Amino acid sequence: MQTRNENDYRKGVGIMLLNNEGKIFAGQRYDSTAEAWQMPQGGIDDGETPQQALFRELLEEVGTDKAEIIAECKDWLFYDLPQNLRNKLWNGRYAGQMQLWYLLKFTGSDSDINIDTDEPEFKNWRWVNCEELPSLIVEFKRDLYNSILQEFSEHLG
């Protein structure tokens, strides 16, 4: 098992948002020329709890907070940035992110989703099946996403 210094990782939250059909929200990143999709995620601000951060991020990235928490990961999950991205993101301060992931049930309708927010994170979005999700994700986050799917497997169809 890899030993990590938590100070080398940006603390954040991740959101697996499920609709009534058991499909997962995935957004296509604006800042990537590749076909890069991901679930909503973001940093935890000073003085903010992880749960406060997740609902703020949901509003900022998906344009709605119509959701209820179903489950929380039991441990922080990590991913490492590829070397070519480390100096480009967060002023080179972090090797990657440590995230607390949450499974949420979307309580709104598709018309409540508005990715055209003040600072858009996504240029497109869709609902995807569990099996499809890992193949949409950038390679350096695939192990993390497989861990999330495993962690929440008892709640997924």
C-alpha atoms as a PDB file:
ATOM      1  CA  MET A   1       0.000   0.000   0.000  1.00  0.00           C
ATOM      2  CA  GLN A   2       1.313   3.402  -0.974  1.00  0.00           C
ATOM      3  CA  THR A   3       2.078   5.781   1.881  1.00  0.00           C
ATOM      4  CA  ARG A   4       0.801   9.284   1.257  1.00  0.00           C
ATOM      5  CA  ASN A   5       1.436  12.569   2.997  1.00  0.00           C
ATOM      6  CA  GLU A   6      -2.010  14.156   3.294  1.00  0.00           C
ATOM      7  CA  ASN A   7      -0.453  17.633   3.019  1.00  0.00           C
ATOM      8  CA  ASP A   8       0.472  16.760  -0.586  1.00  0.00           C
ATOM      9  CA  TYR A   9      -3.192  16.288  -1.524  1.00  0.00           C
ATOM     10  CA  ARG A  10      -5.983  18.790  -1.992  1.00  0.00           C
ATOM     11  CA  LYS A  11      -8.994  17.873   0.170  1.00  0.00           C
ATOM     12  CA  GLY A  12     -12.252  17.598  -1.684  1.00  0.00           C
ATOM     13  CA  VAL A  13     -15.578  15.886  -2.109  1.00  0.00           C
ATOM     14  CA  GLY A  14     -17.006  13.810  -4.909  1.00  0.00           C
ATOM     15  CA  ILE A  15     -20.633  13.251  -5.817  1.00  0.00           C
ATOM     16  CA  MET A  16     -22.182  10.170  -7.379  1.00  0.00           C
ATOM     17  CA  LEU A  17     -25.641  11.463  -8.302  1.00  0.00           C
ATOM     18  CA  LEU A  18     -28.241   8.802  -9.160  1.00  0.00           C
ATOM     19  CA  ASN A  19     -31.485   9.395 -11.008  1.00  0.00           C
ATOM     20  CA  ASN A  20     -34.698   7.367 -10.595  1.00  0.00           C
ATOM     21  CA  GLU A  21     -33.466   4.825 -13.155  1.00  0.00           C
ATOM     22  CA  GLY A  22     -30.253   4.182 -11.198  1.00  0.00           C
ATOM     23  CA  LYS A  23     -28.107   5.985 -13.771  1.00  0.00           C
ATOM     24  CA  ILE A  24     -25.195   8.210 -12.757  1.00  0.00           C
ATOM     25  CA  PHE A  25     -24.689  11.869 -13.684  1.00  0.00           C
ATOM     26  CA  ALA A  26     -21.544  12.430 -15.753  1.00  0.00           C
ATOM     27  CA  GLY A  27     -20.340  15.770 -17.091  1.00  0.00           C
ATOM     28  CA  GLN A  28     -17.935  16.403 -19.948  1.00  0.00           C
ATOM     29  CA  ARG A  29     -15.176  18.723 -18.744  1.00  0.00           C
ATOM     30  CA  TYR A  30     -14.824  22.159 -20.339  1.00  0.00           C
ATOM     31  CA  ASP A  31     -11.096  22.430 -19.706  1.00  0.00           C
ATOM     32  CA  SER A  32     -10.080  19.344 -21.643  1.00  0.00           C
ATOM     33  CA  THR A  33      -9.656  18.795 -25.354  1.00  0.00           C
ATOM     34  CA  ALA A  34     -10.029  15.055 -24.758  1.00  0.00           C
ATOM     35  CA  GLU A  35     -13.337  13.286 -24.308  1.00  0.00           C
ATOM     36  CA  ALA A  36     -12.998  13.713 -20.520  1.00  0.00           C
ATOM     37  CA  TRP A  37     -16.053  13.004 -18.403  1.00  0.00           C
ATOM     38  CA  GLN A  38     -16.393  12.906 -14.634  1.00  0.00           C
ATOM     39  CA  MET A  39     -18.818  13.044 -11.749  1.00  0.00           C
ATOM     40  CA  PRO A  40     -19.145  16.374  -9.911  1.00  0.00           C
ATOM     41  CA  GLN A  41     -16.333  17.044  -7.452  1.00  0.00           C
ATOM     42  CA  GLY A  42     -14.514  19.938  -5.854  1.00  0.00           C
ATOM     43  CA  GLY A  43     -12.456  21.271  -3.018  1.00  0.00           C
ATOM     44  CA  ILE A  44     -13.524  21.817   0.561  1.00  0.00           C
ATOM     45  CA  ASP A  45     -13.246  25.498   1.498  1.00  0.00           C
ATOM     46  CA  ASP A  46     -11.789  26.622   4.835  1.00  0.00           C
ATOM     47  CA  GLY A  47     -14.389  26.325   7.592  1.00  0.00           C
ATOM     48  CA  GLU A  48     -16.654  24.157   5.433  1.00  0.00           C
ATOM     49  CA  THR A  49     -17.761  20.617   6.283  1.00  0.00           C
ATOM     50  CA  PRO A  50     -17.585  17.967   3.556  1.00  0.00           C
ATOM     51  CA  GLN A  51     -21.403  17.878   3.400  1.00  0.00           C
ATOM     52  CA  GLN A  52     -21.587  21.662   2.987  1.00  0.00           C
ATOM     53  CA  ALA A  53     -18.963  21.404   0.248  1.00  0.00           C
ATOM     54  CA  LEU A  54     -20.843  18.690  -1.626  1.00  0.00           C
ATOM     55  CA  PHE A  55     -24.075  20.702  -1.833  1.00  0.00           C
ATOM     56  CA  ARG A  56     -22.153  23.861  -2.818  1.00  0.00           C
ATOM     57  CA  GLU A  57     -20.300  21.931  -5.534  1.00  0.00           C
ATOM     58  CA  LEU A  58     -23.543  20.372  -6.748  1.00  0.00           C
ATOM     59  CA  LEU A  59     -25.038  23.853  -7.177  1.00  0.00           C
ATOM     60  CA  GLU A  60     -21.874  25.239  -8.792  1.00  0.00           C
ATOM     61  CA  GLU A  61     -21.396  22.382 -11.264  1.00  0.00           C
ATOM     62  CA  VAL A  62     -24.853  20.915 -11.870  1.00  0.00           C
ATOM     63  CA  GLY A  63     -27.001  23.974 -11.126  1.00  0.00           C
ATOM     64  CA  THR A  64     -29.215  22.245  -8.571  1.00  0.00           C
ATOM     65  CA  ASP A  65     -29.101  20.966  -5.017  1.00  0.00           C
ATOM     66  CA  LYS A  66     -32.175  18.752  -5.357  1.00  0.00           C
ATOM     67  CA  ALA A  67     -30.614  15.649  -3.879  1.00  0.00           C
ATOM     68  CA  GLU A  68     -30.498  13.560  -0.729  1.00  0.00           C
ATOM     69  CA  ILE A  69     -27.489  11.744   0.723  1.00  0.00           C
ATOM     70  CA  ILE A  70     -27.810   7.953   0.543  1.00  0.00           C
ATOM     71  CA  ALA A  71     -24.281   6.947   1.605  1.00  0.00           C
ATOM     72  CA  GLU A  72     -20.786   8.257   2.370  1.00  0.00           C
ATOM     73  CA  CYS A  73     -17.489   6.505   1.651  1.00  0.00           C
ATOM     74  CA  LYS A  74     -15.972   5.081   4.805  1.00  0.00           C
ATOM     75  CA  ASP A  75     -12.497   6.376   3.909  1.00  0.00           C
ATOM     76  CA  TRP A  76     -10.887   9.197   1.984  1.00  0.00           C
ATOM     77  CA  LEU A  77      -9.992   8.131  -1.551  1.00  0.00           C
ATOM     78  CA  PHE A  78      -6.909   9.416  -3.381  1.00  0.00           C
ATOM     79  CA  TYR A  79      -5.825   9.993  -6.931  1.00  0.00           C
ATOM     80  CA  ASP A  80      -2.470  11.208  -8.212  1.00  0.00           C
ATOM     81  CA  LEU A  81      -2.141  13.695 -11.044  1.00  0.00           C
ATOM     82  CA  PRO A  82       0.076  12.724 -13.965  1.00  0.00           C
ATOM     83  CA  GLN A  83       3.425  14.534 -13.816  1.00  0.00           C
ATOM     84  CA  ASN A  84       2.566  16.747 -16.808  1.00  0.00           C
ATOM     85  CA  LEU A  85      -0.456  18.187 -14.937  1.00  0.00           C
ATOM     86  CA  ARG A  86       1.059  18.681 -11.481  1.00  0.00           C
ATOM     87  CA  ASN A  87       2.587  22.071 -12.232  1.00  0.00           C
ATOM     88  CA  LYS A  88      -0.480  23.267 -14.162  1.00  0.00           C
ATOM     89  CA  LEU A  89      -3.108  22.678 -11.461  1.00  0.00           C
ATOM     90  CA  TRP A  90      -3.370  24.392  -8.098  1.00  0.00           C
ATOM     91  CA  ASN A  91      -0.051  26.224  -8.694  1.00  0.00           C
ATOM     92  CA  GLY A  92       1.842  22.940  -8.460  1.00  0.00           C
ATOM     93  CA  ARG A  93       1.046  22.652  -4.755  1.00  0.00           C
ATOM     94  CA  TYR A  94      -0.582  19.200  -4.806  1.00  0.00           C
ATOM     95  CA  ALA A  95       0.284  15.739  -6.099  1.00  0.00           C
ATOM     96  CA  GLY A  96      -3.434  15.012  -6.484  1.00  0.00           C
ATOM     97  CA  GLN A  97      -6.599  14.969  -4.450  1.00  0.00           C
ATOM     98  CA  MET A  98      -7.938  13.158  -1.420  1.00  0.00           C
ATOM     99  CA  GLN A  99     -11.691  13.018  -1.631  1.00  0.00           C
ATOM    100  CA  LEU A 100     -14.625  11.992   0.496  1.00  0.00           C
ATOM    101  CA  TRP A 101     -17.245  10.595  -1.870  1.00  0.00           C
ATOM    102  CA  TYR A 102     -21.002  10.668  -1.382  1.00  0.00           C
ATOM    103  CA  LEU A 103     -23.821   8.803  -3.088  1.00  0.00           C
ATOM    104  CA  LEU A 104     -26.843  11.037  -3.631  1.00  0.00           C
ATOM    105  CA  LYS A 105     -30.348  10.390  -4.905  1.00  0.00           C
ATOM    106  CA  PHE A 106     -31.401  13.108  -7.377  1.00  0.00           C
ATOM    107  CA  THR A 107     -34.825  14.366  -6.255  1.00  0.00           C
ATOM    108  CA  GLY A 108     -35.452  16.765  -9.115  1.00  0.00           C
ATOM    109  CA  SER A 109     -36.111  16.346 -12.815  1.00  0.00           C
ATOM    110  CA  ASP A 110     -33.745  16.744 -15.759  1.00  0.00           C
ATOM    111  CA  SER A 111     -35.100  20.273 -16.275  1.00  0.00           C
ATOM    112  CA  ASP A 112     -33.617  21.218 -12.865  1.00  0.00           C
ATOM    113  CA  ILE A 113     -30.104  20.515 -14.178  1.00  0.00           C
ATOM    114  CA  ASN A 114     -28.356  23.595 -15.538  1.00  0.00           C
ATOM    115  CA  ILE A 115     -24.642  23.204 -16.285  1.00  0.00           C
ATOM    116  CA  ASP A 116     -24.527  26.760 -17.689  1.00  0.00           C
ATOM    117  CA  THR A 117     -23.507  28.119 -14.282  1.00  0.00           C
ATOM    118  CA  ASP A 118     -21.448  31.220 -13.375  1.00  0.00           C
ATOM    119  CA  GLU A 119     -18.214  29.265 -13.828  1.00  0.00           C
ATOM    120  CA  PRO A 120     -19.161  26.216 -15.924  1.00  0.00           C
ATOM    121  CA  GLU A 121     -17.252  23.020 -15.238  1.00  0.00           C
ATOM    122  CA  PHE A 122     -19.023  20.944 -17.874  1.00  0.00           C
ATOM    123  CA  LYS A 123     -19.879  21.525 -21.540  1.00  0.00           C
ATOM    124  CA  ASN A 124     -22.234  18.552 -21.745  1.00  0.00           C
ATOM    125  CA  TRP A 125     -23.855  16.037 -19.409  1.00  0.00           C
ATOM    126  CA  ARG A 126     -25.711  12.742 -19.479  1.00  0.00           C
ATOM    127  CA  TRP A 127     -26.931   9.865 -17.328  1.00  0.00           C
ATOM    128  CA  VAL A 128     -24.762   6.737 -17.664  1.00  0.00           C
ATOM    129  CA  ASN A 129     -24.902   3.127 -16.523  1.00  0.00           C
ATOM    130  CA  CYS A 130     -22.462   1.912 -13.843  1.00  0.00           C
ATOM    131  CA  GLU A 131     -20.720  -0.345 -16.361  1.00  0.00           C
ATOM    132  CA  GLU A 132     -20.108   2.537 -18.778  1.00  0.00           C
ATOM    133  CA  LEU A 133     -18.734   5.029 -16.259  1.00  0.00           C
ATOM    134  CA  PRO A 134     -15.080   3.887 -15.905  1.00  0.00           C
ATOM    135  CA  SER A 135     -14.496   3.918 -19.664  1.00  0.00           C
ATOM    136  CA  LEU A 136     -15.528   7.605 -19.865  1.00  0.00           C
ATOM    137  CA  ILE A 137     -13.093   8.746 -17.186  1.00  0.00           C
ATOM    138  CA  VAL A 138      -9.532   9.952 -17.765  1.00  0.00           C
ATOM    139  CA  GLU A 139      -7.096   7.111 -17.172  1.00  0.00           C
ATOM    140  CA  PHE A 140      -5.465   8.552 -14.034  1.00  0.00           C
ATOM    141  CA  LYS A 141      -8.853   8.565 -12.222  1.00  0.00           C
ATOM    142  CA  ARG A 142     -10.086   5.113 -13.308  1.00  0.00           C
ATOM    143  CA  ASP A 143      -8.867   3.247 -10.214  1.00  0.00           C
ATOM    144  CA  LEU A 144     -10.568   5.871  -8.034  1.00  0.00           C
ATOM    145  CA  TYR A 145     -13.837   5.483  -9.950  1.00  0.00           C
ATOM    146  CA  ASN A 146     -13.687   1.694  -9.697  1.00  0.00           C
ATOM    147  CA  SER A 147     -13.202   2.071  -5.929  1.00  0.00           C
ATOM    148  CA  ILE A 148     -16.236   4.366  -5.721  1.00  0.00           C
ATOM    149  CA  LEU A 149     -18.378   1.923  -7.700  1.00  0.00           C
ATOM    150  CA  GLN A 150     -17.272  -0.892  -5.404  1.00  0.00           C
ATOM    151  CA  GLU A 151     -17.883   1.186  -2.268  1.00  0.00           C
ATOM    152  CA  PHE A 152     -21.450   2.031  -3.300  1.00  0.00           C
ATOM    153  CA  SER A 153     -22.217  -1.274  -5.073  1.00  0.00           C
ATOM    154  CA  GLU A 154     -24.908  -2.347  -2.611  1.00  0.00           C
ATOM    155  CA  HIS A 155     -26.913   0.781  -3.569  1.00  0.00           C
ATOM    156  CA  LEU A 156     -26.428   0.467  -7.326  1.00  0.00           C
ATOM    157  CA  GLY A 157     -28.624  -1.556  -9.709  1.00  0.00           C
END
